[in-house]
């Protein structure tokens, strides 16, 4: 009868097995030390709750800048998304370093910033070129920097695509409709994300009893989840009335539900990253709110999902090649 464990362990002597176990423990100890050093350098602001008045002022500025950039035209919104992608990528990689990962932050942030203009100028081909360039650069980095591991390459690529590529859905929607209606649809999409969060919080805090993901985000409930979908659907119904958008009521409801689910998934994913890394907030760039990634986590998957649904459903013309 074969001993327990993987088949490649069958011929190991006790000394060899012990040596391998010691190496595994040594690697884990090094990862723990790296994580602790990063956490020791974490500003205290990342873990302290903020004043309500500060939250309100920051939120007002954030909202005003968003509205102005979105309605001002394609280029101002493109520049805003590039800035958001770069900042969010930096916050993402900072947290991952505290989780004992060693991403290539420079390549990841550059790629995240390049995704929006590449999609605006070249559509799908532009996104593919940036992805290929990033992959090749990361492989060169992996080959010549011996401390890099395959998980570090994966984290670097994922971080750039997650914070940069997914936001390009907003560019597709904005550029596919004539002014000012493209901007109006993007703003309504923002409102659908905010309504999803607000409805979920209000209902979940009052009557929430059944936990949605207790280990990842203990405060989220199924009651709040379904209430959030209602908020998302309401603004998707408003999108169906925008000139230039050919969307039926059934499509609006279905798209609102799907986009709402994607927003919740993005929120939970960022919560998991912060929990694993030991952070309360992803950064301090937005006083009272934490990091920009905290405020944009629901938008990543929602934006790309909205663009795909609206283009595939024939609701908007696709003008980017």
Protein backbone atom coordinates (compact mmCIF):
# COMPACT_ATOMS: atom_id res chain seq x y z
CA UNK A 1 0.00 0.00 0.00
CA UNK A 2 1.38 3.38 -1.05
CA UNK A 3 2.06 5.84 1.72
CA UNK A 4 -0.09 8.96 1.89
CA UNK A 5 0.92 12.07 -0.02
CA UNK A 6 1.75 12.91 -3.62
CA UNK A 7 3.41 10.13 -5.65
CA UNK A 8 6.64 12.11 -6.09
CA UNK A 9 7.15 11.90 -2.31
CA UNK A 10 7.09 8.07 -2.20
CA UNK A 11 10.85 7.61 -2.70
CA UNK A 12 11.98 10.38 -0.36
CA UNK A 13 13.99 9.45 2.68
CA UNK A 14 13.06 10.87 6.05
CA UNK A 15 16.02 13.25 5.84
CA UNK A 16 14.99 14.52 2.39
CA UNK A 17 11.39 14.98 3.46
CA UNK A 18 12.52 16.87 6.55
CA UNK A 19 14.81 19.08 4.45
CA UNK A 20 11.96 19.96 2.09
CA UNK A 21 9.68 20.78 4.98
CA UNK A 22 12.33 23.05 6.49
CA UNK A 23 12.71 24.87 3.15
CA UNK A 24 8.95 25.39 2.93
CA UNK A 25 8.89 26.78 6.46
CA UNK A 26 11.87 29.03 5.69
CA UNK A 27 10.15 30.44 2.59
CA UNK A 28 6.96 31.08 4.54
CA UNK A 29 8.92 32.80 7.30
CA UNK A 30 10.54 35.11 4.73
CA UNK A 31 7.12 35.96 3.28
CA UNK A 32 5.79 36.74 6.76
CA UNK A 33 8.77 38.98 7.48
CA UNK A 34 8.29 40.85 4.20
CA UNK A 35 4.61 41.37 4.97
CA UNK A 36 5.37 42.61 8.49
CA UNK A 37 8.00 45.08 7.25
CA UNK A 38 5.54 46.53 4.76
CA UNK A 39 2.82 46.79 7.40
CA UNK A 40 5.23 48.52 9.80
CA UNK A 41 5.72 51.24 7.18
CA UNK A 42 1.98 51.68 6.63
CA UNK A 43 0.78 55.19 7.56
CA UNK A 44 -1.52 55.26 10.53
CA UNK A 45 -4.06 57.10 8.37
CA UNK A 46 -4.75 53.87 6.52
CA UNK A 47 -6.40 52.39 9.58
CA UNK A 48 -8.03 55.33 11.33
CA UNK A 49 -11.68 56.24 10.77
CA UNK A 50 -12.23 59.72 9.35
CA UNK A 51 -14.47 62.63 10.21
CA UNK A 52 -17.90 62.76 8.54
CA UNK A 53 -17.41 66.36 7.43
CA UNK A 54 -14.14 65.47 5.74
CA UNK A 55 -15.88 62.59 3.97
CA UNK A 56 -18.59 64.92 2.69
CA UNK A 57 -16.13 67.50 1.36
CA UNK A 58 -13.98 64.90 -0.33
CA UNK A 59 -17.02 63.25 -1.87
CA UNK A 60 -18.29 66.59 -3.17
CA UNK A 61 -14.96 67.38 -4.85
CA UNK A 62 -14.71 63.88 -6.30
CA UNK A 63 -18.26 64.09 -7.69
CA UNK A 64 -17.74 67.56 -9.17
CA UNK A 65 -14.50 66.59 -10.91
CA UNK A 66 -16.13 63.45 -12.30
CA UNK A 67 -19.14 65.32 -13.71
CA UNK A 68 -17.00 68.05 -15.31
CA UNK A 69 -14.55 65.61 -16.91
CA UNK A 70 -17.25 63.27 -18.22
CA UNK A 71 -19.38 66.02 -19.76
CA UNK A 72 -16.47 68.10 -21.08
CA UNK A 73 -15.67 65.66 -23.88
CA UNK A 74 -13.84 62.48 -24.81
CA UNK A 75 -10.32 63.79 -24.12
CA UNK A 76 -11.00 65.20 -20.61
CA UNK A 77 -12.71 61.96 -19.62
CA UNK A 78 -9.85 59.96 -21.14
CA UNK A 79 -7.32 61.90 -19.06
CA UNK A 80 -9.43 61.38 -15.93
CA UNK A 81 -9.59 57.62 -16.52
CA UNK A 82 -5.84 57.46 -17.15
CA UNK A 83 -5.24 59.22 -13.82
CA UNK A 84 -7.67 56.93 -12.00
CA UNK A 85 -6.07 53.84 -13.54
CA UNK A 86 -2.56 54.90 -12.55
CA UNK A 87 -3.49 55.78 -8.97
CA UNK A 88 -5.55 52.62 -8.47
CA UNK A 89 -2.75 50.48 -9.90
CA UNK A 90 -0.28 52.04 -7.46
CA UNK A 91 -2.60 51.36 -4.51
CA UNK A 92 -3.21 47.81 -5.72
CA UNK A 93 0.48 46.95 -5.97
CA UNK A 94 1.23 48.61 -2.62
CA UNK A 95 -1.27 46.32 -0.89
CA UNK A 96 0.01 43.25 -2.72
CA UNK A 97 3.55 43.93 -1.54
CA UNK A 98 2.26 43.74 2.01
CA UNK A 99 0.85 40.32 1.15
CA UNK A 100 4.39 39.06 0.44
CA UNK A 101 4.08 39.54 -3.34
CA UNK A 102 6.77 41.24 -5.42
CA UNK A 103 4.98 42.79 -8.41
CA UNK A 104 6.75 44.94 -10.96
CA UNK A 105 5.00 48.17 -10.02
CA UNK A 106 6.62 50.29 -12.72
CA UNK A 107 5.54 48.08 -15.63
CA UNK A 108 2.10 47.51 -14.10
CA UNK A 109 1.35 51.21 -13.57
CA UNK A 110 2.65 52.19 -17.02
CA UNK A 111 0.45 49.55 -18.68
CA UNK A 112 -2.59 50.55 -16.62
CA UNK A 113 -2.18 54.17 -17.76
CA UNK A 114 -1.63 53.13 -21.40
CA UNK A 115 -4.73 50.94 -21.67
CA UNK A 116 -7.30 53.81 -21.91
CA UNK A 117 -5.57 55.77 -24.73
CA UNK A 118 -4.78 52.55 -26.59
CA UNK A 119 -8.46 51.57 -26.58
CA UNK A 120 -9.54 55.09 -27.52
CA UNK A 121 -7.14 55.19 -30.48
CA UNK A 122 -7.07 51.54 -31.53
CA UNK A 123 -9.99 49.74 -29.93
CA UNK A 124 -9.47 46.03 -29.33
CA UNK A 125 -6.22 45.99 -31.30
CA UNK A 126 -4.83 48.75 -29.10
CA UNK A 127 -5.68 46.82 -25.95
CA UNK A 128 -4.06 43.69 -27.39
CA UNK A 129 -0.86 45.58 -28.22
CA UNK A 130 -0.56 46.95 -24.67
CA UNK A 131 -1.26 43.48 -23.22
CA UNK A 132 1.37 41.89 -25.47
CA UNK A 133 3.93 44.57 -24.65
CA UNK A 134 3.28 44.16 -20.92
CA UNK A 135 3.57 40.38 -21.11
CA UNK A 136 6.86 40.51 -23.02
CA UNK A 137 8.31 43.08 -20.63
CA UNK A 138 7.28 41.00 -17.62
CA UNK A 139 8.83 37.86 -19.13
CA UNK A 140 12.13 39.69 -19.69
CA UNK A 141 11.96 40.92 -16.09
CA UNK A 142 11.24 37.37 -14.87
CA UNK A 143 14.14 35.87 -16.84
CA UNK A 144 16.79 38.37 -15.73
CA UNK A 145 15.67 39.14 -12.16
CA UNK A 146 16.06 35.86 -10.32
CA UNK A 147 14.04 36.95 -7.28
CA UNK A 148 10.90 37.24 -9.40
CA UNK A 149 8.48 34.33 -9.30
CA UNK A 150 5.68 33.33 -11.66
CA UNK A 151 3.05 34.55 -9.13
CA UNK A 152 4.76 37.96 -9.21
CA UNK A 153 4.42 38.04 -13.00
CA UNK A 154 0.76 37.08 -12.73
CA UNK A 155 0.02 39.71 -10.09
CA UNK A 156 1.75 42.41 -12.16
CA UNK A 157 -0.27 41.55 -15.27
CA UNK A 158 -3.53 41.18 -13.37
CA UNK A 159 -3.12 44.49 -11.56
CA UNK A 160 -2.58 46.42 -14.79
CA UNK A 161 -5.50 44.78 -16.58
CA UNK A 162 -7.81 45.05 -13.58
CA UNK A 163 -7.23 48.74 -12.89
CA UNK A 164 -6.60 49.92 -16.47
CA UNK A 165 -8.25 47.69 -19.06
CA UNK A 166 -11.59 47.23 -17.32
CA UNK A 167 -12.16 50.98 -17.05
CA UNK A 168 -11.95 51.22 -20.84
CA UNK A 169 -15.61 50.21 -21.00
CA UNK A 170 -16.41 53.82 -20.09
CA UNK A 171 -14.40 55.05 -23.08
CA UNK A 172 -16.24 52.70 -25.44
CA UNK A 173 -19.61 53.98 -24.24
CA UNK A 174 -18.59 57.66 -24.23
CA UNK A 175 -17.06 57.55 -27.72
CA UNK A 176 -19.88 55.52 -29.29
CA UNK A 177 -22.57 58.16 -28.73
CA UNK A 178 -22.74 61.78 -29.89
CA UNK A 179 -22.23 64.60 -27.41
CA UNK A 180 -23.60 65.15 -24.87
CA UNK A 181 -25.43 61.82 -24.68
CA UNK A 182 -22.34 59.66 -24.35
CA UNK A 183 -21.38 61.60 -21.25
CA UNK A 184 -24.93 61.38 -19.91
CA UNK A 185 -24.91 57.58 -20.23
CA UNK A 186 -21.54 57.38 -18.44
CA UNK A 187 -22.84 59.55 -15.60
CA UNK A 188 -25.96 57.39 -15.29
CA UNK A 189 -23.69 54.36 -15.16
CA UNK A 190 -21.76 56.00 -12.30
CA UNK A 191 -25.07 56.67 -10.56
CA UNK A 192 -26.14 53.05 -11.00
CA UNK A 193 -22.97 51.95 -9.20
CA UNK A 194 -23.47 54.48 -6.40
CA UNK A 195 -27.17 53.55 -6.11
CA UNK A 196 -26.20 49.90 -5.86
CA UNK A 197 -23.88 50.68 -2.94
CA UNK A 198 -26.32 53.10 -1.26
CA UNK A 199 -29.40 50.85 -1.50
CA UNK A 200 -27.39 47.87 -0.29
CA UNK A 201 -26.06 49.82 2.70
CA UNK A 202 -29.40 51.36 3.71
CA UNK A 203 -31.38 48.14 3.50
CA UNK A 204 -28.60 45.88 4.74
CA UNK A 205 -27.95 48.02 7.82
CA UNK A 206 -31.65 48.02 8.72
CA UNK A 207 -32.95 44.54 7.95
CA UNK A 208 -29.89 42.60 6.85
CA UNK A 209 -29.90 39.19 8.53
CA UNK A 210 -28.32 36.74 6.10
CA UNK A 211 -24.61 37.26 5.43
CA UNK A 212 -23.54 37.43 1.79
CA UNK A 213 -19.83 36.72 2.26
CA UNK A 214 -19.13 36.59 6.02
CA UNK A 215 -15.41 35.84 5.73
CA UNK A 216 -14.69 38.48 3.09
CA UNK A 217 -17.08 41.31 3.99
CA UNK A 218 -19.04 40.55 7.19
CA UNK A 219 -21.31 43.62 6.89
CA UNK A 220 -22.79 42.69 3.50
CA UNK A 221 -26.08 40.81 3.50
CA UNK A 222 -28.31 39.14 0.93
CA UNK A 223 -31.06 41.62 1.76
CA UNK A 224 -28.74 44.50 0.96
CA UNK A 225 -27.54 42.72 -2.18
CA UNK A 226 -31.04 42.49 -3.68
CA UNK A 227 -31.82 46.07 -2.66
CA UNK A 228 -28.65 47.18 -4.44
CA UNK A 229 -29.79 45.44 -7.62
CA UNK A 230 -33.01 47.46 -7.47
CA UNK A 231 -30.99 50.68 -7.32
CA UNK A 232 -28.87 49.55 -10.26
CA UNK A 233 -31.91 48.65 -12.37
CA UNK A 234 -33.55 52.04 -11.75
CA UNK A 235 -30.68 53.92 -13.37
CA UNK A 236 -30.36 51.40 -16.18
CA UNK A 237 -34.00 52.09 -16.96
CA UNK A 238 -33.07 55.77 -17.11
CA UNK A 239 -30.26 54.92 -19.55
CA UNK A 240 -32.81 53.34 -21.91
CA UNK A 241 -34.43 56.78 -22.40
CA UNK A 242 -31.23 58.56 -23.45
CA UNK A 243 -31.29 59.66 -27.12
CA UNK A 244 -29.09 57.42 -29.25
CA UNK A 245 -29.56 54.39 -26.99
CA UNK A 246 -31.87 51.70 -28.38
CA UNK A 247 -32.63 49.64 -25.30
CA UNK A 248 -35.87 47.91 -24.38
CA UNK A 249 -37.21 47.85 -20.84
CA UNK A 250 -36.47 44.13 -20.60
CA UNK A 251 -32.88 44.75 -21.65
CA UNK A 252 -32.55 47.58 -19.12
CA UNK A 253 -33.74 45.35 -16.28
CA UNK A 254 -31.54 42.42 -17.32
CA UNK A 255 -28.48 44.60 -17.88
CA UNK A 256 -29.06 46.37 -14.57
CA UNK A 257 -29.11 43.07 -12.70
CA UNK A 258 -25.98 41.74 -14.42
CA UNK A 259 -24.05 45.00 -13.98
CA UNK A 260 -25.16 45.20 -10.34
CA UNK A 261 -23.83 41.70 -9.69
CA UNK A 262 -20.52 42.62 -11.30
CA UNK A 263 -20.26 45.68 -9.07
CA UNK A 264 -20.76 43.60 -5.94
CA UNK A 265 -18.19 41.07 -7.14
CA UNK A 266 -15.64 43.83 -7.68
CA UNK A 267 -16.34 45.23 -4.21
CA UNK A 268 -15.92 41.81 -2.59
CA UNK A 269 -12.71 41.15 -4.52
CA UNK A 270 -11.11 44.35 -3.23
CA UNK A 271 -12.33 43.57 0.30
CA UNK A 272 -10.59 40.20 0.09
CA UNK A 273 -7.36 41.82 -1.09
CA UNK A 274 -7.42 44.35 1.76
CA UNK A 275 -8.24 41.69 4.33
CA UNK A 276 -5.38 39.45 3.19
CA UNK A 277 -2.97 42.39 3.16
CA UNK A 278 -4.02 43.76 6.54
CA UNK A 279 -5.37 47.09 5.27
CA UNK A 280 -8.54 48.94 6.19
CA UNK A 281 -8.24 51.32 3.23
CA UNK A 282 -6.26 51.03 0.00
CA UNK A 283 -4.72 54.49 0.38
CA UNK A 284 -5.06 58.04 1.71
CA UNK A 285 -5.56 60.09 -1.45
CA UNK A 286 -9.24 60.70 -0.60
CA UNK A 287 -9.43 61.95 3.01
CA UNK A 288 -12.34 60.36 4.82
CA UNK A 289 -12.82 57.74 2.12
CA UNK A 290 -9.45 56.05 1.98
CA UNK A 291 -7.94 55.27 -1.39
CA UNK A 292 -9.24 55.80 -4.89
CA UNK A 293 -9.35 52.04 -5.32
CA UNK A 294 -11.84 51.88 -2.43
CA UNK A 295 -14.19 54.20 -4.33
CA UNK A 296 -13.68 52.59 -7.74
CA UNK A 297 -13.70 48.87 -6.95
CA UNK A 298 -17.35 48.42 -7.99
CA UNK A 299 -16.80 50.39 -11.19
CA UNK A 300 -14.15 48.19 -12.82
CA UNK A 301 -16.24 45.15 -13.66
CA UNK A 302 -19.40 47.24 -14.06
CA UNK A 303 -17.91 49.48 -16.76
CA UNK A 304 -16.55 46.73 -18.99
CA UNK A 305 -19.69 44.62 -18.49
CA UNK A 306 -21.90 47.58 -19.41
CA UNK A 307 -19.94 48.23 -22.60
CA UNK A 308 -20.08 44.58 -23.67
CA UNK A 309 -23.81 44.28 -22.94
CA UNK A 310 -24.72 47.51 -24.72
CA UNK A 311 -22.61 46.78 -27.81
CA UNK A 312 -23.60 43.11 -28.04
CA UNK A 313 -27.26 43.98 -27.44
CA UNK A 314 -27.25 46.55 -30.24
CA UNK A 315 -28.03 49.38 -27.83
CA UNK A 316 -25.15 51.61 -28.98
CA UNK A 317 -23.05 51.64 -32.15
CA UNK A 318 -19.46 50.52 -31.71
CA UNK A 319 -17.25 53.13 -33.35
CA UNK A 320 -13.82 52.10 -32.02
CA UNK A 321 -11.81 49.76 -34.24
